[in-house]
Amino acid sequence: MHLLEADPSGISKLMFIGTLGMLTLAVGIIVFVIFHQRKVIRYQMEMKKMENEKQQILLNASIRFQEEERQRIAADLHDDAGPLLATARLYLNENLVNQEKAQQLQSIISAKQIIDDAILLIRNISHSLMPPTLKNFGLESATTDLFQKINGSGVINASARFHDYRDRLKVEQELLVFRVVQELVNNVLKHSNAAFIHLTQNCSGNNLYLRIHHDGKGIVQSEFDKLNQATQGLGLKNIASRVNVLNGKIFFEIDPSQTYFKITLEIPKIPIA
């Protein structure tokens, strides 16, 4: 006490050093916060850039897929339906009225057969765009029918079971989900050499879940993400773009037993009106 009173300059010096230390600490904290915020902002910008690039890839895949679909339909109509209708027109030309009745009848019969073939062709093209089972009876019936046909081939044991699909999705959603299932199943059939493929459906909260199990060769999520970023693999990009349109998620994983792969499709439910 007496020492401090005897040396007021020492107290001032200590107070100055303390104040300087506190200021230094405060400045250090401020600088740290500023640099940290800048780092966070840079990280967020990089993540946003990566997300934008991913969205652009998905968009390009979707556009490319739609363009290929249009080109395929145009080719089918031009190469198949066009010649059929042109041939039918040859039979039904202006000289038909000048022909003998027997020849007229034969021309009409031939034209009718060609027109029937054209109608069947156009119906098949239409069915490829919107499968009739899906349109008339919904996702459950269309998916079950798909797996029954695969199972009927005798090449692979295939089955599908819907546990909780009382509230149907919107028609547009059902078509997108069905196309994703078709693409996934097609990949399994082409690449996995699986002995079985099984699909199950259930709902939890406001989400619809479809799970595909198979015992062949498969991929896990990291491989899907990597392949999806590559320039190749249009099928996987089509899957990702459709899932993105559905505001859904897709997960690829292998069972802990290492005996089968599982693909989970998670879709928010928007029931039909």
Protein backbone atom coordinates (compact mmCIF):
# COMPACT_ATOMS: atom_id res chain seq x y z
CA MET A 1 0.00 0.00 0.00
CA HIS A 2 2.75 2.38 0.98
CA LEU A 3 4.85 1.26 -1.99
CA LEU A 4 2.01 2.08 -4.42
CA GLU A 5 1.43 5.44 -2.78
CA ALA A 6 5.16 6.10 -2.89
CA ASP A 7 5.40 5.34 -6.65
CA PRO A 8 2.37 6.77 -8.50
CA SER A 9 4.33 6.62 -11.77
CA GLY A 10 4.47 2.86 -11.41
CA ILE A 11 0.67 2.71 -11.11
CA SER A 12 0.30 4.85 -14.22
CA LYS A 13 2.74 2.63 -16.06
CA LEU A 14 0.85 -0.51 -15.08
CA MET A 15 -2.45 1.09 -16.10
CA PHE A 16 -0.94 2.14 -19.42
CA ILE A 17 0.45 -1.33 -20.05
CA GLY A 18 -2.88 -2.90 -19.07
CA THR A 19 -4.84 -0.52 -21.28
CA LEU A 20 -2.45 -1.11 -24.17
CA GLY A 21 -2.77 -4.86 -23.69
CA MET A 22 -6.54 -4.67 -23.68
CA LEU A 23 -6.52 -2.51 -26.80
CA THR A 24 -4.13 -4.92 -28.49
CA LEU A 25 -6.34 -7.84 -27.51
CA ALA A 26 -9.45 -6.01 -28.75
CA VAL A 27 -7.75 -5.14 -32.05
CA GLY A 28 -6.58 -8.74 -32.38
CA ILE A 29 -10.09 -10.03 -31.80
CA ILE A 30 -11.51 -7.56 -34.32
CA VAL A 31 -8.87 -8.52 -36.91
CA PHE A 32 -9.53 -12.21 -36.27
CA VAL A 33 -13.28 -11.72 -36.64
CA ILE A 34 -12.82 -9.75 -39.85
CA PHE A 35 -10.50 -12.36 -41.39
CA HIS A 36 -12.79 -15.15 -40.22
CA GLN A 37 -15.82 -13.46 -41.74
CA ARG A 38 -13.94 -12.96 -44.98
CA LYS A 39 -12.95 -16.61 -44.95
CA VAL A 40 -16.56 -17.62 -44.30
CA ILE A 41 -17.75 -15.33 -47.11
CA ARG A 42 -15.15 -16.80 -49.51
CA TYR A 43 -16.20 -20.31 -48.49
CA GLN A 44 -19.87 -19.46 -49.00
CA MET A 45 -19.10 -17.92 -52.39
CA GLU A 46 -17.14 -21.03 -53.41
CA MET A 47 -19.98 -23.27 -52.24
CA LYS A 48 -22.50 -21.13 -54.11
CA LYS A 49 -20.32 -21.29 -57.21
CA MET A 50 -20.08 -25.07 -56.94
CA GLU A 51 -23.84 -25.31 -56.40
CA ASN A 52 -24.47 -23.08 -59.41
CA GLU A 53 -22.14 -25.23 -61.49
CA LYS A 54 -23.95 -28.34 -60.31
CA GLN A 55 -27.32 -26.80 -61.11
CA GLN A 56 -26.04 -25.83 -64.54
CA ILE A 57 -24.87 -29.39 -65.16
CA LEU A 58 -28.28 -30.71 -64.14
CA LEU A 59 -30.01 -28.12 -66.28
CA ASN A 60 -27.82 -28.96 -69.27
CA ALA A 61 -28.53 -32.65 -68.74
CA SER A 62 -32.25 -32.01 -68.57
CA ILE A 63 -32.16 -29.85 -71.70
CA ARG A 64 -30.03 -32.41 -73.50
CA PHE A 65 -32.35 -35.20 -72.49
CA GLN A 66 -35.43 -33.28 -73.66
CA GLU A 67 -33.72 -32.45 -76.94
CA GLU A 68 -32.79 -36.09 -77.50
CA GLU A 69 -36.39 -37.08 -76.73
CA ARG A 70 -37.66 -34.55 -79.28
CA GLN A 71 -35.15 -35.74 -81.87
CA ARG A 72 -36.13 -39.37 -81.30
CA ILE A 73 -39.84 -38.57 -81.63
CA ALA A 74 -39.19 -36.46 -84.72
CA ALA A 75 -37.12 -39.26 -86.24
CA ASP A 76 -39.81 -41.84 -85.52
CA LEU A 77 -42.50 -39.66 -87.05
CA HIS A 78 -40.37 -38.70 -90.05
CA ASP A 79 -38.82 -42.09 -90.79
CA ASP A 80 -41.75 -44.36 -89.96
CA ALA A 81 -45.06 -42.51 -89.79
CA GLY A 82 -44.24 -40.19 -92.71
CA PRO A 83 -43.60 -42.92 -95.31
CA LEU A 84 -46.65 -44.89 -94.13
CA LEU A 85 -48.98 -41.94 -94.57
CA ALA A 86 -47.35 -41.04 -97.89
CA THR A 87 -47.93 -44.60 -99.12
CA ALA A 88 -51.55 -44.51 -97.98
CA ARG A 89 -51.99 -41.30 -99.96
CA LEU A 90 -50.74 -43.09 -103.09
CA TYR A 91 -53.60 -45.57 -102.78
CA LEU A 92 -56.11 -42.81 -102.13
CA ASN A 93 -55.17 -40.51 -105.00
CA GLU A 94 -57.43 -38.63 -107.35
CA ASN A 95 -57.38 -41.49 -109.87
CA LEU A 96 -59.17 -43.76 -107.40
CA VAL A 97 -62.59 -42.68 -108.73
CA ASN A 98 -61.59 -43.75 -112.24
CA GLN A 99 -60.58 -47.28 -111.22
CA GLU A 100 -62.76 -50.34 -111.41
CA LYS A 101 -64.66 -51.23 -108.26
CA ALA A 102 -62.50 -54.27 -107.51
CA GLN A 103 -59.34 -52.19 -107.82
CA GLN A 104 -60.91 -49.39 -105.77
CA LEU A 105 -61.77 -51.85 -103.00
CA GLN A 106 -58.24 -53.26 -103.00
CA SER A 107 -56.73 -49.76 -102.86
CA ILE A 108 -59.01 -48.81 -99.96
CA ILE A 109 -58.18 -52.04 -98.06
CA SER A 110 -54.43 -51.47 -98.59
CA ALA A 111 -54.68 -47.83 -97.51
CA LYS A 112 -56.68 -48.84 -94.42
CA GLN A 113 -54.00 -51.36 -93.41
CA ILE A 114 -51.26 -48.78 -93.83
CA ILE A 115 -53.21 -46.20 -91.84
CA ASP A 116 -53.78 -48.80 -89.09
CA ASP A 117 -50.02 -49.39 -88.99
CA ALA A 118 -49.44 -45.63 -88.72
CA ILE A 119 -51.99 -45.38 -85.88
CA LEU A 120 -50.25 -48.21 -84.02
CA LEU A 121 -46.88 -46.54 -84.50
CA ILE A 122 -48.14 -43.20 -83.19
CA ARG A 123 -49.80 -44.98 -80.25
CA ASN A 124 -46.48 -46.62 -79.37
CA ILE A 125 -44.72 -43.25 -79.50
CA SER A 126 -47.43 -41.80 -77.27
CA HIS A 127 -47.08 -44.68 -74.81
CA SER A 128 -43.35 -44.08 -74.56
CA LEU A 129 -44.11 -40.51 -73.47
CA MET A 130 -46.86 -41.45 -71.01
CA PRO A 131 -47.28 -45.17 -70.28
CA PRO A 132 -51.02 -45.96 -70.31
CA THR A 133 -50.86 -47.91 -67.02
CA LEU A 134 -49.30 -44.91 -65.32
CA LYS A 135 -51.82 -42.52 -66.85
CA ASN A 136 -54.88 -44.64 -66.02
CA PHE A 137 -53.92 -46.33 -62.74
CA GLY A 138 -51.01 -44.41 -61.27
CA LEU A 139 -47.45 -44.93 -60.07
CA GLU A 140 -48.08 -48.05 -58.00
CA SER A 141 -49.70 -49.99 -60.85
CA ALA A 142 -47.15 -48.83 -63.43
CA THR A 143 -44.18 -49.71 -61.21
CA THR A 144 -45.63 -53.08 -60.21
CA ASP A 145 -46.35 -53.84 -63.86
CA LEU A 146 -42.77 -52.93 -64.80
CA PHE A 147 -41.30 -55.30 -62.22
CA GLN A 148 -43.72 -58.09 -63.14
CA LYS A 149 -42.61 -57.88 -66.76
CA ILE A 150 -38.94 -57.96 -65.72
CA ASN A 151 -39.59 -60.93 -63.45
CA GLY A 152 -41.48 -62.69 -66.25
CA SER A 153 -38.35 -62.69 -68.38
CA GLY A 154 -36.87 -65.33 -66.07
CA VAL A 155 -33.48 -63.61 -66.17
CA ILE A 156 -33.69 -61.88 -62.78
CA ASN A 157 -35.91 -62.17 -59.72
CA ALA A 158 -37.79 -58.86 -59.60
CA SER A 159 -40.56 -57.65 -57.30
CA ALA A 160 -42.14 -54.41 -56.12
CA ARG A 161 -44.30 -53.75 -53.08
CA PHE A 162 -46.07 -50.52 -52.13
CA HIS A 163 -46.90 -50.34 -48.44
CA ASP A 164 -48.43 -46.89 -48.05
CA TYR A 165 -49.49 -45.12 -51.23
CA ARG A 166 -53.03 -44.05 -50.38
CA ASP A 167 -52.52 -40.41 -51.46
CA ARG A 168 -51.26 -40.29 -55.03
CA LEU A 169 -48.78 -37.68 -56.18
CA LYS A 170 -49.57 -35.25 -58.94
CA VAL A 171 -49.52 -36.76 -62.43
CA GLU A 172 -46.41 -34.81 -63.39
CA GLN A 173 -44.64 -36.02 -60.27
CA GLU A 174 -45.65 -39.62 -60.86
CA LEU A 175 -44.24 -39.51 -64.38
CA LEU A 176 -40.92 -38.08 -63.17
CA VAL A 177 -40.66 -40.63 -60.36
CA PHE A 178 -41.53 -43.46 -62.76
CA ARG A 179 -38.85 -42.30 -65.23
CA VAL A 180 -36.27 -42.23 -62.41
CA VAL A 181 -37.26 -45.77 -61.38
CA GLN A 182 -37.05 -46.91 -65.02
CA GLU A 183 -33.57 -45.41 -65.41
CA LEU A 184 -32.33 -46.91 -62.14
CA VAL A 185 -33.74 -50.34 -62.99
CA ASN A 186 -32.29 -50.13 -66.49
CA ASN A 187 -28.85 -49.37 -65.03
CA VAL A 188 -29.10 -52.36 -62.69
CA LEU A 189 -30.14 -54.67 -65.53
CA LYS A 190 -27.37 -53.42 -67.83
CA HIS A 191 -24.42 -53.11 -65.49
CA SER A 192 -24.88 -54.96 -62.19
CA ASN A 193 -25.28 -58.66 -63.12
CA ALA A 194 -27.71 -58.87 -60.20
CA ALA A 195 -29.71 -62.00 -59.37
CA PHE A 196 -32.51 -60.03 -57.72
CA ILE A 197 -33.91 -56.52 -57.69
CA HIS A 198 -36.59 -55.49 -55.22
CA LEU A 199 -38.45 -52.19 -54.79
CA THR A 200 -40.31 -51.10 -51.68
CA GLN A 201 -42.36 -47.97 -51.00
CA ASN A 202 -43.37 -46.30 -47.77
CA CYS A 203 -44.18 -42.84 -46.43
CA SER A 204 -42.80 -40.99 -43.43
CA GLY A 205 -44.01 -37.55 -42.47
CA ASN A 206 -44.46 -35.52 -45.63
CA ASN A 207 -42.06 -37.61 -47.70
CA LEU A 208 -42.47 -40.56 -50.04
CA TYR A 209 -39.66 -43.11 -50.06
CA LEU A 210 -38.84 -45.61 -52.80
CA ARG A 211 -36.00 -48.04 -52.14
CA ILE A 212 -34.41 -50.33 -54.68
CA HIS A 213 -32.31 -53.25 -53.43
CA HIS A 214 -30.15 -55.46 -55.63
CA ASP A 215 -27.30 -57.91 -55.13
CA GLY A 216 -25.19 -56.98 -58.14
CA LYS A 217 -22.44 -54.47 -58.76
CA GLY A 218 -23.39 -51.00 -57.60
CA ILE A 219 -22.14 -47.59 -56.55
CA VAL A 220 -22.16 -45.56 -53.36
CA GLN A 221 -22.97 -41.87 -52.92
CA SER A 222 -19.43 -40.57 -53.44
CA GLU A 223 -19.18 -42.44 -56.75
CA PHE A 224 -22.58 -41.14 -57.88
CA ASP A 225 -21.58 -37.56 -57.05
CA LYS A 226 -18.29 -38.00 -58.93
CA LEU A 227 -19.91 -39.57 -61.99
CA ASN A 228 -22.62 -36.92 -61.94
CA GLN A 229 -19.97 -34.20 -62.25
CA ALA A 230 -18.29 -35.93 -65.18
CA THR A 231 -19.01 -35.09 -68.79
CA GLN A 232 -20.15 -38.65 -69.49
CA GLY A 233 -22.99 -40.56 -67.87
CA LEU A 234 -26.08 -38.92 -69.32
CA GLY A 235 -28.30 -41.50 -67.59
CA LEU A 236 -27.11 -40.49 -64.14
CA LYS A 237 -27.49 -36.80 -65.02
CA ASN A 238 -31.04 -37.47 -66.18
CA ILE A 239 -31.75 -39.12 -62.84
CA ALA A 240 -30.22 -36.22 -60.90
CA SER A 241 -32.04 -33.58 -62.97
CA ARG A 242 -35.42 -35.27 -62.47
CA VAL A 243 -34.84 -35.69 -58.74
CA ASN A 244 -33.87 -32.02 -58.62
CA VAL A 245 -37.12 -31.02 -60.39
CA LEU A 246 -39.00 -33.07 -57.79
CA ASN A 247 -37.15 -31.23 -54.98
CA GLY A 248 -36.16 -34.69 -53.84
CA LYS A 249 -33.00 -36.50 -52.79
CA ILE A 250 -31.36 -39.72 -53.89
CA PHE A 251 -28.93 -41.85 -51.90
CA PHE A 252 -26.69 -44.71 -53.03
CA GLU A 253 -25.27 -47.02 -50.38
CA ILE A 254 -24.12 -50.56 -49.69
CA ASP A 255 -25.52 -52.63 -46.86
CA PRO A 256 -23.16 -53.10 -43.88
CA SER A 257 -23.19 -56.82 -44.66
CA GLN A 258 -21.68 -55.94 -48.07
CA THR A 259 -24.20 -58.30 -49.70
CA TYR A 260 -26.46 -55.85 -51.53
CA PHE A 261 -26.76 -52.25 -52.65
CA LYS A 262 -29.61 -49.89 -51.81
CA ILE A 263 -30.84 -46.83 -53.69
CA THR A 264 -33.22 -44.56 -51.78
CA LEU A 265 -35.38 -41.96 -53.49
CA GLU A 266 -36.89 -39.36 -51.16
CA ILE A 267 -39.68 -37.21 -52.63
CA PRO A 268 -41.81 -34.54 -50.88
CA LYS A 269 -45.49 -35.48 -51.19
CA ILE A 270 -47.78 -33.15 -53.09
CA PRO A 271 -51.02 -35.16 -53.41
CA ILE A 272 -53.24 -34.81 -56.46
CA ALA A 273 -56.16 -32.43 -56.06
